[in-house]
PDB file of N, CA and C in Angstrom:
ATOM      1  N   UNK A   1      96.940  79.133  91.092  1.00  0.00           N
ATOM      2  CA  UNK A   1      96.567  80.468  91.475  1.00  0.00           C
ATOM      3  C   UNK A   1      95.505  80.378  92.574  1.00  0.00           C
ATOM      4  N   UNK A   2      95.618  81.255  93.564  1.00  0.00           N
ATOM      5  CA  UNK A   2      94.668  81.310  94.669  1.00  0.00           C
ATOM      6  C   UNK A   2      93.532  82.261  94.294  1.00  0.00           C
ATOM      7  N   UNK A   3      92.315  81.830  94.548  1.00  0.00           N
ATOM      8  CA  UNK A   3      91.125  82.647  94.311  1.00  0.00           C
ATOM      9  C   UNK A   3      90.488  82.986  95.649  1.00  0.00           C
ATOM     10  N   UNK A   4      90.092  84.236  95.823  1.00  0.00           N
ATOM     11  CA  UNK A   4      89.391  84.668  97.033  1.00  0.00           C
ATOM     12  C   UNK A   4      87.963  85.022  96.647  1.00  0.00           C
ATOM     13  N   UNK A   5      87.001  84.292  97.235  1.00  0.00           N
ATOM     14  CA  UNK A   5      85.597  84.499  96.897  1.00  0.00           C
ATOM     15  C   UNK A   5      84.862  85.063  98.101  1.00  0.00           C
ATOM     16  N   UNK A   6      84.195  86.216  97.911  1.00  0.00           N
ATOM     17  CA  UNK A   6      83.495  86.857  99.029  1.00  0.00           C
ATOM     18  C   UNK A   6      82.085  86.333  99.236  1.00  0.00           C
ATOM     19  N   UNK A   7      81.651  86.432 100.467  1.00  0.00           N
ATOM     20  CA  UNK A   7      80.253  86.232 100.846  1.00  0.00           C
ATOM     21  C   UNK A   7      79.980  87.334 101.868  1.00  0.00           C
ATOM     22  N   UNK A   8      79.381  88.421 101.405  1.00  0.00           N
ATOM     23  CA  UNK A   8      79.152  89.584 102.259  1.00  0.00           C
ATOM     24  C   UNK A   8      77.651  89.713 102.482  1.00  0.00           C
ATOM     25  N   UNK A   9      77.266  89.657 103.747  1.00  0.00           N
ATOM     26  CA  UNK A   9      75.855  89.708 104.087  1.00  0.00           C
ATOM     27  C   UNK A   9      75.677  90.642 105.279  1.00  0.00           C
ATOM     28  N   UNK A  10      75.023  91.778 105.045  1.00  0.00           N
ATOM     29  CA  UNK A  10      74.838  92.755 106.119  1.00  0.00           C
ATOM     30  C   UNK A  10      76.176  93.264 106.616  1.00  0.00           C
ATOM     31  N   UNK A  11      76.450  93.053 107.906  1.00  0.00           N
ATOM     32  CA  UNK A  11      77.709  93.542 108.480  1.00  0.00           C
ATOM     33  C   UNK A  11      78.712  92.418 108.707  1.00  0.00           C
ATOM     34  N   UNK A  12      78.571  91.316 107.959  1.00  0.00           N
ATOM     35  CA  UNK A  12      79.512  90.201 108.056  1.00  0.00           C
ATOM     36  C   UNK A  12      80.186  89.994 106.711  1.00  0.00           C
ATOM     37  N   UNK A  13      81.523  89.969 106.741  1.00  0.00           N
ATOM     38  CA  UNK A  13      82.324  89.729 105.550  1.00  0.00           C
ATOM     39  C   UNK A  13      83.014  88.384 105.727  1.00  0.00           C
ATOM     40  N   UNK A  14      82.770  87.472 104.802  1.00  0.00           N
ATOM     41  CA  UNK A  14      83.438  86.178 104.799  1.00  0.00           C
ATOM     42  C   UNK A  14      84.127  86.017 103.448  1.00  0.00           C
ATOM     43  N   UNK A  15      85.385  85.645 103.476  1.00  0.00           N
ATOM     44  CA  UNK A  15      86.102  85.306 102.259  1.00  0.00           C
ATOM     45  C   UNK A  15      86.595  83.871 102.383  1.00  0.00           C
ATOM     46  N   UNK A  16      86.434  83.119 101.306  1.00  0.00           N
ATOM     47  CA  UNK A  16      86.975  81.769 101.212  1.00  0.00           C
ATOM     48  C   UNK A  16      88.075  81.766 100.171  1.00  0.00           C
ATOM     49  N   UNK A  17      89.140  81.045 100.450  1.00  0.00           N
ATOM     50  CA  UNK A  17      90.250  80.917  99.506  1.00  0.00           C
ATOM     51  C   UNK A  17      90.185  79.537  98.868  1.00  0.00           C
ATOM     52  N   UNK A  18      90.434  79.497  97.560  1.00  0.00           N
ATOM     53  CA  UNK A  18      90.448  78.237  96.820  1.00  0.00           C
ATOM     54  C   UNK A  18      91.707  78.176  95.973  1.00  0.00           C
ATOM     55  N   UNK A  19      92.281  76.994  95.888  1.00  0.00           N
ATOM     56  CA  UNK A  19      93.431  76.771  95.009  1.00  0.00           C
ATOM     57  C   UNK A  19      93.220  75.431  94.323  1.00  0.00           C
ATOM     58  N   UNK A  20      93.229  75.477  93.001  1.00  0.00           N
ATOM     59  CA  UNK A  20      92.993  74.269  92.193  1.00  0.00           C
ATOM     60  C   UNK A  20      91.699  73.571  92.596  1.00  0.00           C
ATOM     61  N   UNK A  21      90.658  74.353  92.886  1.00  0.00           N
ATOM     62  CA  UNK A  21      89.353  73.809  93.211  1.00  0.00           C
ATOM     63  C   UNK A  21      89.162  73.365  94.650  1.00  0.00           C
ATOM     64  N   UNK A  22      90.205  73.400  95.463  1.00  0.00           N
ATOM     65  CA  UNK A  22      90.098  72.995  96.865  1.00  0.00           C
ATOM     66  C   UNK A  22      90.132  74.208  97.773  1.00  0.00           C
ATOM     67  N   UNK A  23      89.297  74.190  98.812  1.00  0.00           N
ATOM     68  CA  UNK A  23      89.297  75.295  99.763  1.00  0.00           C
ATOM     69  C   UNK A  23      90.576  75.247 100.595  1.00  0.00           C
ATOM     70  N   UNK A  24      91.258  76.401 100.666  1.00  0.00           N
ATOM     71  CA  UNK A  24      92.531  76.474 101.387  1.00  0.00           C
ATOM     72  C   UNK A  24      92.514  77.474 102.531  1.00  0.00           C
ATOM     73  N   UNK A  25      91.365  78.129 102.770  1.00  0.00           N
ATOM     74  CA  UNK A  25      91.298  79.066 103.877  1.00  0.00           C
ATOM     75  C   UNK A  25      89.992  79.819 103.935  1.00  0.00           C
ATOM     76  N   UNK A  26      89.828  80.514 105.078  1.00  0.00           N
ATOM     77  CA  UNK A  26      88.603  81.294 105.292  1.00  0.00           C
ATOM     78  C   UNK A  26      88.872  82.374 106.333  1.00  0.00           C
ATOM     79  N   UNK A  27      88.220  83.522 106.164  1.00  0.00           N
ATOM     80  CA  UNK A  27      88.313  84.619 107.120  1.00  0.00           C
ATOM     81  C   UNK A  27      86.916  85.193 107.352  1.00  0.00           C
ATOM     82  N   UNK A  28      86.670  85.631 108.582  1.00  0.00           N
ATOM     83  CA  UNK A  28      85.399  86.279 108.921  1.00  0.00           C
ATOM     84  C   UNK A  28      85.690  87.594 109.628  1.00  0.00           C
ATOM     85  N   UNK A  29      85.064  88.660 109.148  1.00  0.00           N
ATOM     86  CA  UNK A  29      85.196  89.994 109.719  1.00  0.00           C
ATOM     87  C   UNK A  29      83.792  90.545 109.916  1.00  0.00           C
ATOM     88  N   UNK A  30      83.556  91.182 111.056  1.00  0.00           N
ATOM     89  CA  UNK A  30      82.283  91.860 111.291  1.00  0.00           C
ATOM     90  C   UNK A  30      82.559  93.351 111.458  1.00  0.00           C
ATOM     91  N   UNK A  31      81.566  94.157 111.141  1.00  0.00           N
ATOM     92  CA  UNK A  31      81.766  95.602 111.281  1.00  0.00           C
ATOM     93  C   UNK A  31      80.483  96.276 111.718  1.00  0.00           C
ATOM     94  N   UNK A  32      80.681  97.440 112.347  1.00  0.00           N
ATOM     95  CA  UNK A  32      79.579  98.312 112.718  1.00  0.00           C
ATOM     96  C   UNK A  32      80.079  99.740 112.614  1.00  0.00           C
ATOM     97  N   UNK A  33      79.382 100.519 111.834  1.00  0.00           N
ATOM     98  CA  UNK A  33      79.772 101.904 111.552  1.00  0.00           C
ATOM     99  C   UNK A  33      81.202 101.932 111.038  1.00  0.00           C
ATOM    100  N   UNK A  34      82.136 102.562 111.752  1.00  0.00           N
ATOM    101  CA  UNK A  34      83.505 102.679 111.237  1.00  0.00           C
ATOM    102  C   UNK A  34      84.479 101.698 111.884  1.00  0.00           C
ATOM    103  N   UNK A  35      83.974 100.774 112.706  1.00  0.00           N
ATOM    104  CA  UNK A  35      84.850  99.840 113.418  1.00  0.00           C
ATOM    105  C   UNK A  35      84.569  98.411 112.969  1.00  0.00           C
ATOM    106  N   UNK A  36      85.637  97.599 112.953  1.00  0.00           N
ATOM    107  CA  UNK A  36      85.471  96.204 112.580  1.00  0.00           C
ATOM    108  C   UNK A  36      86.323  95.311 113.478  1.00  0.00           C
ATOM    109  N   UNK A  37      86.001  94.035 113.425  1.00  0.00           N
ATOM    110  CA  UNK A  37      86.759  93.025 114.157  1.00  0.00           C
ATOM    111  C   UNK A  37      86.975  91.840 113.236  1.00  0.00           C
ATOM    112  N   UNK A  38      88.229  91.478 113.041  1.00  0.00           N
ATOM    113  CA  UNK A  38      88.546  90.269 112.311  1.00  0.00           C
ATOM    114  C   UNK A  38      88.469  89.143 113.334  1.00  0.00           C
ATOM    115  N   UNK A  39      87.462  88.284 113.202  1.00  0.00           N
ATOM    116  CA  UNK A  39      87.119  87.328 114.253  1.00  0.00           C
ATOM    117  C   UNK A  39      87.695  85.936 114.052  1.00  0.00           C
ATOM    118  N   UNK A  40      87.917  85.519 112.802  1.00  0.00           N
ATOM    119  CA  UNK A  40      88.300  84.132 112.543  1.00  0.00           C
ATOM    120  C   UNK A  40      89.149  84.074 111.284  1.00  0.00           C
ATOM    121  N   UNK A  41      90.184  83.242 111.329  1.00  0.00           N
ATOM    122  CA  UNK A  41      90.956  82.961 110.118  1.00  0.00           C
ATOM    123  C   UNK A  41      91.537  81.562 110.207  1.00  0.00           C
ATOM    124  N   UNK A  42      91.478  80.875 109.093  1.00  0.00           N
ATOM    125  CA  UNK A  42      92.199  79.616 108.941  1.00  0.00           C
ATOM    126  C   UNK A  42      92.750  79.599 107.527  1.00  0.00           C
ATOM    127  N   UNK A  43      93.949  79.089 107.389  1.00  0.00           N
ATOM    128  CA  UNK A  43      94.585  79.047 106.077  1.00  0.00           C
ATOM    129  C   UNK A  43      95.680  77.989 106.087  1.00  0.00           C
ATOM    130  N   UNK A  44      96.002  77.501 104.907  1.00  0.00           N
ATOM    131  CA  UNK A  44      97.042  76.479 104.784  1.00  0.00           C
ATOM    132  C   UNK A  44      98.444  77.058 104.905  1.00  0.00           C
ATOM    133  N   UNK A  45      98.599  78.369 104.656  1.00  0.00           N
ATOM    134  CA  UNK A  45      99.936  78.968 104.727  1.00  0.00           C
ATOM    135  C   UNK A  45      99.823  80.481 104.942  1.00  0.00           C
ATOM    136  N   UNK A  46     100.967  81.108 105.200  1.00  0.00           N
ATOM    137  CA  UNK A  46     101.013  82.549 105.479  1.00  0.00           C
ATOM    138  C   UNK A  46     100.535  83.397 104.300  1.00  0.00           C
ATOM    139  N   UNK A  47     100.874  82.988 103.071  1.00  0.00           N
ATOM    140  CA  UNK A  47     100.496  83.781 101.903  1.00  0.00           C
ATOM    141  C   UNK A  47      98.984  83.819 101.741  1.00  0.00           C
ATOM    142  N   UNK A  48      98.336  82.688 101.938  1.00  0.00           N
ATOM    143  CA  UNK A  48      96.879  82.644 101.846  1.00  0.00           C
ATOM    144  C   UNK A  48      96.255  83.471 102.967  1.00  0.00           C
ATOM    145  N   UNK A  49      96.805  83.356 104.166  1.00  0.00           N
ATOM    146  CA  UNK A  49      96.295  84.135 105.304  1.00  0.00           C
ATOM    147  C   UNK A  49      96.391  85.630 105.012  1.00  0.00           C
ATOM    148  N   UNK A  50      97.523  86.069 104.496  1.00  0.00           N
ATOM    149  CA  UNK A  50      97.676  87.497 104.184  1.00  0.00           C
ATOM    150  C   UNK A  50      96.671  87.948 103.137  1.00  0.00           C
ATOM    151  N   UNK A  51      96.457  87.154 102.105  1.00  0.00           N
ATOM    152  CA  UNK A  51      95.486  87.501 101.072  1.00  0.00           C
ATOM    153  C   UNK A  51      94.075  87.582 101.625  1.00  0.00           C
ATOM    154  N   UNK A  52      93.728  86.658 102.515  1.00  0.00           N
ATOM    155  CA  UNK A  52      92.405  86.677 103.121  1.00  0.00           C
ATOM    156  C   UNK A  52      92.214  87.912 104.003  1.00  0.00           C
ATOM    157  N   UNK A  53      93.215  88.236 104.800  1.00  0.00           N
ATOM    158  CA  UNK A  53      93.135  89.407 105.675  1.00  0.00           C
ATOM    159  C   UNK A  53      92.978  90.676 104.831  1.00  0.00           C
ATOM    160  N   UNK A  54      93.810  90.812 103.804  1.00  0.00           N
ATOM    161  CA  UNK A  54      93.734  91.994 102.942  1.00  0.00           C
ATOM    162  C   UNK A  54      92.376  92.092 102.233  1.00  0.00           C
ATOM    163  N   UNK A  55      91.858  90.959 101.776  1.00  0.00           N
ATOM    164  CA  UNK A  55      90.555  90.960 101.099  1.00  0.00           C
ATOM    165  C   UNK A  55      89.449  91.425 102.037  1.00  0.00           C
ATOM    166  N   UNK A  56      89.441  90.902 103.257  1.00  0.00           N
ATOM    167  CA  UNK A  56      88.414  91.291 104.233  1.00  0.00           C
ATOM    168  C   UNK A  56      88.535  92.771 104.598  1.00  0.00           C
ATOM    169  N   UNK A  57      89.762  93.247 104.780  1.00  0.00           N
ATOM    170  CA  UNK A  57      89.970  94.658 105.106  1.00  0.00           C
ATOM    171  C   UNK A  57      89.527  95.568 103.964  1.00  0.00           C
ATOM    172  N   UNK A  58      89.788  95.166 102.737  1.00  0.00           N
ATOM    173  CA  UNK A  58      89.368  95.955 101.581  1.00  0.00           C
ATOM    174  C   UNK A  58      87.851  96.032 101.507  1.00  0.00           C
ATOM    175  N   UNK A  59      87.182  94.901 101.727  1.00  0.00           N
ATOM    176  CA  UNK A  59      85.717  94.900 101.729  1.00  0.00           C
ATOM    177  C   UNK A  59      85.183  95.830 102.815  1.00  0.00           C
ATOM    178  N   UNK A  60      85.801  95.804 103.994  1.00  0.00           N
ATOM    179  CA  UNK A  60      85.368  96.700 105.079  1.00  0.00           C
ATOM    180  C   UNK A  60      85.608  98.160 104.702  1.00  0.00           C
ATOM    181  N   UNK A  61      86.772  98.450 104.161  1.00  0.00           N
ATOM    182  CA  UNK A  61      87.086  99.829 103.757  1.00  0.00           C
ATOM    183  C   UNK A  61      86.085 100.334 102.720  1.00  0.00           C
ATOM    184  N   UNK A  62      85.642  99.464 101.837  1.00  0.00           N
ATOM    185  CA  UNK A  62      84.661  99.848 100.820  1.00  0.00           C
ATOM    186  C   UNK A  62      83.288 100.130 101.415  1.00  0.00           C
ATOM    187  N   UNK A  63      83.132  99.836 102.692  1.00  0.00           N
ATOM    188  CA  UNK A  63      81.884 100.108 103.407  1.00  0.00           C
ATOM    189  C   UNK A  63      82.084 101.171 104.491  1.00  0.00           C
ATOM    190  N   UNK A  64      83.083 102.018 104.270  1.00  0.00           N
ATOM    191  CA  UNK A  64      83.403 103.152 105.143  1.00  0.00           C
ATOM    192  C   UNK A  64      83.873 102.756 106.537  1.00  0.00           C
ATOM    193  N   UNK A  65      84.460 101.585 106.662  1.00  0.00           N
ATOM    194  CA  UNK A  65      85.028 101.137 107.935  1.00  0.00           C
ATOM    195  C   UNK A  65      86.467 101.631 107.991  1.00  0.00           C
ATOM    196  N   UNK A  66      86.874 102.159 109.139  1.00  0.00           N
ATOM    197  CA  UNK A  66      88.189 102.783 109.271  1.00  0.00           C
ATOM    198  C   UNK A  66      89.173 101.978 110.107  1.00  0.00           C
ATOM    199  N   UNK A  67      88.698 101.237 111.108  1.00  0.00           N
ATOM    200  CA  UNK A  67      89.621 100.553 112.019  1.00  0.00           C
ATOM    201  C   UNK A  67      89.243  99.084 112.175  1.00  0.00           C
ATOM    202  N   UNK A  68      90.215  98.316 112.663  1.00  0.00           N
ATOM    203  CA  UNK A  68      89.989  96.882 112.824  1.00  0.00           C
ATOM    204  C   UNK A  68      90.752  96.359 114.040  1.00  0.00           C
ATOM    205  N   UNK A  69      90.087  95.480 114.792  1.00  0.00           N
ATOM    206  CA  UNK A  69      90.729  94.738 115.869  1.00  0.00           C
ATOM    207  C   UNK A  69      90.920  93.319 115.369  1.00  0.00           C
ATOM    208  N   UNK A  70      92.123  92.795 115.544  1.00  0.00           N
ATOM    209  CA  UNK A  70      92.450  91.434 115.113  1.00  0.00           C
ATOM    210  C   UNK A  70      92.323  90.518 116.325  1.00  0.00           C
ATOM    211  N   UNK A  71      91.357  89.596 116.313  1.00  0.00           N
ATOM    212  CA  UNK A  71      91.075  88.744 117.465  1.00  0.00           C
ATOM    213  C   UNK A  71      91.714  87.358 117.445  1.00  0.00           C
ATOM    214  N   UNK A  72      91.874  86.689 116.296  1.00  0.00           N
ATOM    215  CA  UNK A  72      92.343  85.303 116.320  1.00  0.00           C
ATOM    216  C   UNK A  72      93.764  85.152 116.864  1.00  0.00           C
ATOM    217  N   UNK A  73      94.043  83.987 117.388  1.00  0.00           N
ATOM    218  CA  UNK A  73      95.417  83.661 117.798  1.00  0.00           C
ATOM    219  C   UNK A  73      96.255  83.243 116.600  1.00  0.00           C
ATOM    220  N   UNK A  74      95.609  82.718 115.568  1.00  0.00           N
ATOM    221  CA  UNK A  74      96.302  82.259 114.381  1.00  0.00           C
ATOM    222  C   UNK A  74      96.789  83.436 113.544  1.00  0.00           C
ATOM    223  N   UNK A  75      97.948  83.281 112.963  1.00  0.00           N
ATOM    224  CA  UNK A  75      98.533  84.219 112.003  1.00  0.00           C
ATOM    225  C   UNK A  75      98.737  85.629 112.566  1.00  0.00           C
ATOM    226  N   UNK A  76      98.975  85.741 113.859  1.00  0.00           N
ATOM    227  CA  UNK A  76      99.268  87.062 114.445  1.00  0.00           C
ATOM    228  C   UNK A  76     100.532  87.658 113.841  1.00  0.00           C
ATOM    229  N   UNK A  77     101.484  86.801 113.468  1.00  0.00           N
ATOM    230  CA  UNK A  77     102.711  87.294 112.833  1.00  0.00           C
ATOM    231  C   UNK A  77     102.403  88.024 111.531  1.00  0.00           C
ATOM    232  N   UNK A  78     101.433  87.550 110.790  1.00  0.00           N
ATOM    233  CA  UNK A  78     101.031  88.214 109.545  1.00  0.00           C
ATOM    234  C   UNK A  78     100.328  89.529 109.870  1.00  0.00           C
ATOM    235  N   UNK A  79      99.467  89.513 110.869  1.00  0.00           N
ATOM    236  CA  UNK A  79      98.758  90.742 111.260  1.00  0.00           C
ATOM    237  C   UNK A  79      99.753  91.822 111.671  1.00  0.00           C
ATOM    238  N   UNK A  80     100.745  91.458 112.448  1.00  0.00           N
ATOM    239  CA  UNK A  80     101.761  92.435 112.883  1.00  0.00           C
ATOM    240  C   UNK A  80     102.559  92.923 111.683  1.00  0.00           C
ATOM    241  N   UNK A  81     102.904  92.039 110.774  1.00  0.00           N
ATOM    242  CA  UNK A  81     103.647  92.441 109.572  1.00  0.00           C
ATOM    243  C   UNK A  81     102.841  93.424 108.732  1.00  0.00           C
ATOM    244  N   UNK A  82     101.512  93.281 108.734  1.00  0.00           N
ATOM    245  CA  UNK A  82     100.652  94.208 107.985  1.00  0.00           C
ATOM    246  C   UNK A  82     100.512  95.556 108.673  1.00  0.00           C
ATOM    247  N   UNK A  83     100.843  95.616 109.972  1.00  0.00           N
ATOM    248  CA  UNK A  83     100.786  96.895 110.672  1.00  0.00           C
ATOM    249  C   UNK A  83      99.894  96.920 111.893  1.00  0.00           C
ATOM    250  N   UNK A  84      99.219  95.821 112.198  1.00  0.00           N
ATOM    251  CA  UNK A  84      98.456  95.773 113.444  1.00  0.00           C
ATOM    252  C   UNK A  84      99.429  95.921 114.605  1.00  0.00           C
ATOM    253  N   UNK A  85      99.039  96.672 115.608  1.00  0.00           N
ATOM    254  CA  UNK A  85      99.889  96.908 116.775  1.00  0.00           C
ATOM    255  C   UNK A  85      99.068  96.757 118.047  1.00  0.00           C
ATOM    256  N   UNK A  86      99.732  96.390 119.115  1.00  0.00           N
ATOM    257  CA  UNK A  86      99.055  96.213 120.406  1.00  0.00           C
ATOM    258  C   UNK A  86      98.493  97.531 120.899  1.00  0.00           C
ATOM    259  N   UNK A  87      97.228  97.492 121.298  1.00  0.00           N
ATOM    260  CA  UNK A  87      96.554  98.665 121.834  1.00  0.00           C
ATOM    261  C   UNK A  87      95.551  98.166 122.873  1.00  0.00           C
ATOM    262  N   UNK A  88      95.811  98.454 124.130  1.00  0.00           N
ATOM    263  CA  UNK A  88      94.947  98.002 125.225  1.00  0.00           C
ATOM    264  C   UNK A  88      94.771  96.484 125.229  1.00  0.00           C
ATOM    265  N   UNK A  89      95.854  95.779 124.979  1.00  0.00           N
ATOM    266  CA  UNK A  89      95.838  94.320 125.042  1.00  0.00           C
ATOM    267  C   UNK A  89      95.307  93.622 123.806  1.00  0.00           C
ATOM    268  N   UNK A  90      94.968  94.374 122.756  1.00  0.00           N
ATOM    269  CA  UNK A  90      94.464  93.780 121.521  1.00  0.00           C
ATOM    270  C   UNK A  90      95.265  94.307 120.343  1.00  0.00           C
ATOM    271  N   UNK A  91      95.295  93.536 119.264  1.00  0.00           N
ATOM    272  CA  UNK A  91      95.927  94.022 118.044  1.00  0.00           C
ATOM    273  C   UNK A  91      94.942  94.923 117.306  1.00  0.00           C
ATOM    274  N   UNK A  92      95.381  96.140 116.995  1.00  0.00           N
ATOM    275  CA  UNK A  92      94.525  97.165 116.406  1.00  0.00           C
ATOM    276  C   UNK A  92      95.238  97.788 115.219  1.00  0.00           C
ATOM    277  N   UNK A  93      94.460  98.165 114.214  1.00  0.00           N
ATOM    278  CA  UNK A  93      95.039  98.887 113.091  1.00  0.00           C
ATOM    279  C   UNK A  93      94.003  99.737 112.396  1.00  0.00           C
ATOM    280  N   UNK A  94      94.485 100.782 111.752  1.00  0.00           N
ATOM    281  CA  UNK A  94      93.638 101.640 110.929  1.00  0.00           C
ATOM    282  C   UNK A  94      93.761 101.141 109.496  1.00  0.00           C
ATOM    283  N   UNK A  95      92.642 100.818 108.891  1.00  0.00           N
ATOM    284  CA  UNK A  95      92.624 100.101 107.619  1.00  0.00           C
ATOM    285  C   UNK A  95      93.415 100.799 106.509  1.00  0.00           C
ATOM    286  N   UNK A  96      93.349 102.119 106.350  1.00  0.00           N
ATOM    287  CA  UNK A  96      94.151 102.725 105.284  1.00  0.00           C
ATOM    288  C   UNK A  96      95.649 102.442 105.426  1.00  0.00           C
ATOM    289  N   UNK A  97      96.148 102.418 106.656  1.00  0.00           N
ATOM    290  CA  UNK A  97      97.563 102.123 106.881  1.00  0.00           C
ATOM    291  C   UNK A  97      97.845 100.634 106.694  1.00  0.00           C
ATOM    292  N   UNK A  98      96.932  99.780 107.149  1.00  0.00           N
ATOM    293  CA  UNK A  98      97.116  98.336 106.992  1.00  0.00           C
ATOM    294  C   UNK A  98      97.182  97.947 105.530  1.00  0.00           C
ATOM    295  N   UNK A  99      96.320  98.522 104.712  1.00  0.00           N
ATOM    296  CA  UNK A  99      96.297  98.200 103.299  1.00  0.00           C
ATOM    297  C   UNK A  99      97.395  98.920 102.519  1.00  0.00           C
ATOM    298  N   UNK A 100      97.966  99.960 103.135  1.00  0.00           N
ATOM    299  CA  UNK A 100      99.029 100.720 102.471  1.00  0.00           C
ATOM    300  C   UNK A 100     100.381 100.062 102.544  1.00  0.00           C
ATOM    301  N   UNK A 101     100.459  98.893 103.183  1.00  0.00           N
ATOM    302  CA  UNK A 101     101.717  98.172 103.217  1.00  0.00           C
ATOM    303  C   UNK A 101     102.574  98.501 104.428  1.00  0.00           C
ATOM    304  N   UNK A 102     101.979  99.031 105.478  1.00  0.00           N
ATOM    305  CA  UNK A 102     102.742  99.348 106.682  1.00  0.00           C
ATOM    306  C   UNK A 102     103.391  98.085 107.234  1.00  0.00           C
ATOM    307  N   UNK A 103     104.553  98.252 107.791  1.00  0.00           N
ATOM    308  CA  UNK A 103     105.285  97.081 108.301  1.00  0.00           C
ATOM    309  C   UNK A 103     105.515  97.188 109.795  1.00  0.00           C
ATOM    310  N   UNK A 104     104.574  97.709 110.521  1.00  0.00           N
ATOM    311  CA  UNK A 104     104.719  97.777 111.971  1.00  0.00           C
ATOM    312  C   UNK A 104     105.476  98.993 112.445  1.00  0.00           C
ATOM    313  N   UNK A 105     105.305 100.142 111.807  1.00  0.00           N
ATOM    314  CA  UNK A 105     106.050 101.333 112.173  1.00  0.00           C
ATOM    315  C   UNK A 105     105.496 102.035 113.403  1.00  0.00           C
ATOM    316  N   UNK A 106     104.484 101.441 114.015  1.00  0.00           N
ATOM    317  CA  UNK A 106     103.891 101.957 115.259  1.00  0.00           C
ATOM    318  C   UNK A 106     103.246 103.324 115.064  1.00  0.00           C
ATOM    319  N   UNK A 107     102.598 103.544 113.923  1.00  0.00           N
ATOM    320  CA  UNK A 107     101.902 104.801 113.661  1.00  0.00           C
ATOM    321  C   UNK A 107     100.635 104.934 114.475  1.00  0.00           C
ATOM    322  N   UNK A 108     100.127 103.840 115.016  1.00  0.00           N
ATOM    323  CA  UNK A 108      98.849 103.863 115.753  1.00  0.00           C
ATOM    324  C   UNK A 108      99.017 104.476 117.116  1.00  0.00           C
TER     325      UNK A 108
END
């Protein structure tokens, strides 16, 4: 089973993923007011990456953050599957739709 452990300090959200006691991934998201940026992700596989992204977005949403820009080059396929869409050259999404299971319907 994969465990996601948060480290939230001020406006920085970091989640680490562990499986059988070994670290299998990490994500970093920063936020200010209602906007956030997912800045870094590394993971051993797509499933872990998706869990990390969802965990970070949920933590941001719990702090009244509404939107997110996805910056990393890694796992863009997962970000698009979650509903991030190109907006002014960057992947952008509104967190309620991203967490609602959107599959790229271009609602943004």
